[in-house]
């Protein structure tokens, strides 16, 4: 159990690092998904097999899937408008 908690903390750390440091929109999106996976892993690990916890994780996975689809659609829109996925370059072009 301790190994899964450490693994979930690593997922959360690397996801947060990706969100804060990276400039590419898809890498930021992957970082958010990594943090979501880490939170789900920690929730399942620490819940001791409760059916309520499993239900919350399934709902979280569904919301994460919807978030991913919306993020990919947004990435396509950003790429069509700015011809790049670099967040800073696109921000400067629109100002």
Protein backbone atom coordinates (compact mmCIF):
# COMPACT_ATOMS: atom_id res chain seq x y z
CA UNK A 1 0.00 0.00 0.00
CA UNK A 2 2.85 2.38 0.83
CA UNK A 3 4.31 1.89 -2.65
CA UNK A 4 1.03 2.99 -4.28
CA UNK A 5 0.89 6.12 -2.15
CA UNK A 6 4.46 7.01 -3.19
CA UNK A 7 3.58 6.32 -6.82
CA UNK A 8 0.49 8.53 -6.63
CA UNK A 9 2.56 11.33 -5.09
CA UNK A 10 5.08 10.99 -7.92
CA UNK A 11 2.22 11.24 -10.44
CA UNK A 12 0.94 14.36 -8.70
CA UNK A 13 4.42 15.91 -8.54
CA UNK A 14 5.32 15.26 -12.18
CA UNK A 15 1.90 16.40 -13.34
CA UNK A 16 2.19 19.65 -11.39
CA UNK A 17 5.71 20.15 -12.73
CA UNK A 18 4.43 19.71 -16.27
CA UNK A 19 1.60 22.19 -15.75
CA UNK A 20 3.85 24.85 -14.22
CA UNK A 21 6.98 24.55 -16.37
CA UNK A 22 5.94 23.39 -19.84
CA UNK A 23 4.79 25.79 -22.54
CA UNK A 24 3.25 23.33 -25.00
CA UNK A 25 -0.52 23.04 -24.57
CA UNK A 26 -0.60 19.27 -25.06
CA UNK A 27 2.13 18.75 -22.44
CA UNK A 28 0.12 20.85 -20.00
CA UNK A 29 -2.96 18.75 -20.78
CA UNK A 30 -0.99 15.55 -20.20
CA UNK A 31 0.23 16.99 -16.87
CA UNK A 32 -3.33 17.62 -15.74
CA UNK A 33 -4.31 14.08 -16.70
CA UNK A 34 -1.29 12.74 -14.81
CA UNK A 35 -2.37 14.63 -11.69
CA UNK A 36 -5.89 13.23 -12.08
CA UNK A 37 -4.50 9.70 -12.34
CA UNK A 38 -2.37 10.24 -9.25
CA UNK A 39 -5.34 11.51 -7.28
CA UNK A 40 -7.45 8.54 -8.37
CA UNK A 41 -4.69 6.10 -7.42
CA UNK A 42 -4.31 7.70 -4.00
CA UNK A 43 -8.06 7.71 -3.46
CA UNK A 44 -8.41 4.02 -4.32
CA UNK A 45 -5.34 3.07 -2.27
CA UNK A 46 -6.43 4.90 0.86
CA UNK A 47 -10.13 3.99 0.65
CA UNK A 48 -9.70 0.33 1.67
CA UNK A 49 -11.90 -1.00 -1.15
CA UNK A 50 -15.09 0.91 -0.39
CA UNK A 51 -17.75 0.79 -3.09
CA UNK A 52 -18.36 4.53 -2.62
CA UNK A 53 -14.70 5.28 -3.32
CA UNK A 54 -14.78 3.12 -6.44
CA UNK A 55 -17.88 4.98 -7.61
CA UNK A 56 -16.18 8.34 -7.09
CA UNK A 57 -13.13 7.18 -9.03
CA UNK A 58 -15.27 5.97 -11.93
CA UNK A 59 -17.08 9.32 -12.00
CA UNK A 60 -13.70 11.08 -11.84
CA UNK A 61 -12.44 9.02 -14.77
CA UNK A 62 -15.53 9.94 -16.79
CA UNK A 63 -15.03 13.63 -16.02
CA UNK A 64 -11.35 13.29 -16.93
CA UNK A 65 -12.29 11.75 -20.27
CA UNK A 66 -14.63 14.63 -21.02
CA UNK A 67 -11.90 17.06 -19.98
CA UNK A 68 -9.41 15.35 -22.31
CA UNK A 69 -11.79 15.51 -25.25
CA UNK A 70 -12.48 19.19 -24.64
CA UNK A 71 -8.75 19.86 -24.22
CA UNK A 72 -7.88 18.14 -27.48
CA UNK A 73 -10.60 20.10 -29.27
CA UNK A 74 -9.19 23.28 -27.75
CA UNK A 75 -5.67 22.29 -28.85
CA UNK A 76 -6.88 21.82 -32.42
CA UNK A 77 -8.55 25.23 -32.30
CA UNK A 78 -5.40 26.88 -30.90
CA UNK A 79 -3.25 25.23 -33.55
CA UNK A 80 -5.55 26.37 -36.35
CA UNK A 81 -5.52 29.94 -35.07
CA UNK A 82 -1.86 30.35 -34.06
CA UNK A 83 -0.10 27.61 -36.09
CA UNK A 84 1.65 26.52 -32.89
CA UNK A 85 0.79 24.91 -29.57
CA UNK A 86 3.19 27.12 -27.62
CA UNK A 87 1.02 28.94 -25.09
CA UNK A 88 3.25 32.02 -24.77
CA UNK A 89 3.60 32.59 -28.54
CA UNK A 90 -0.13 32.31 -29.12
CA UNK A 91 -0.82 34.66 -26.20
CA UNK A 92 1.50 37.32 -27.65
CA UNK A 93 -0.06 37.01 -31.10
CA UNK A 94 -3.56 37.65 -29.73
CA UNK A 95 -2.62 40.70 -27.64
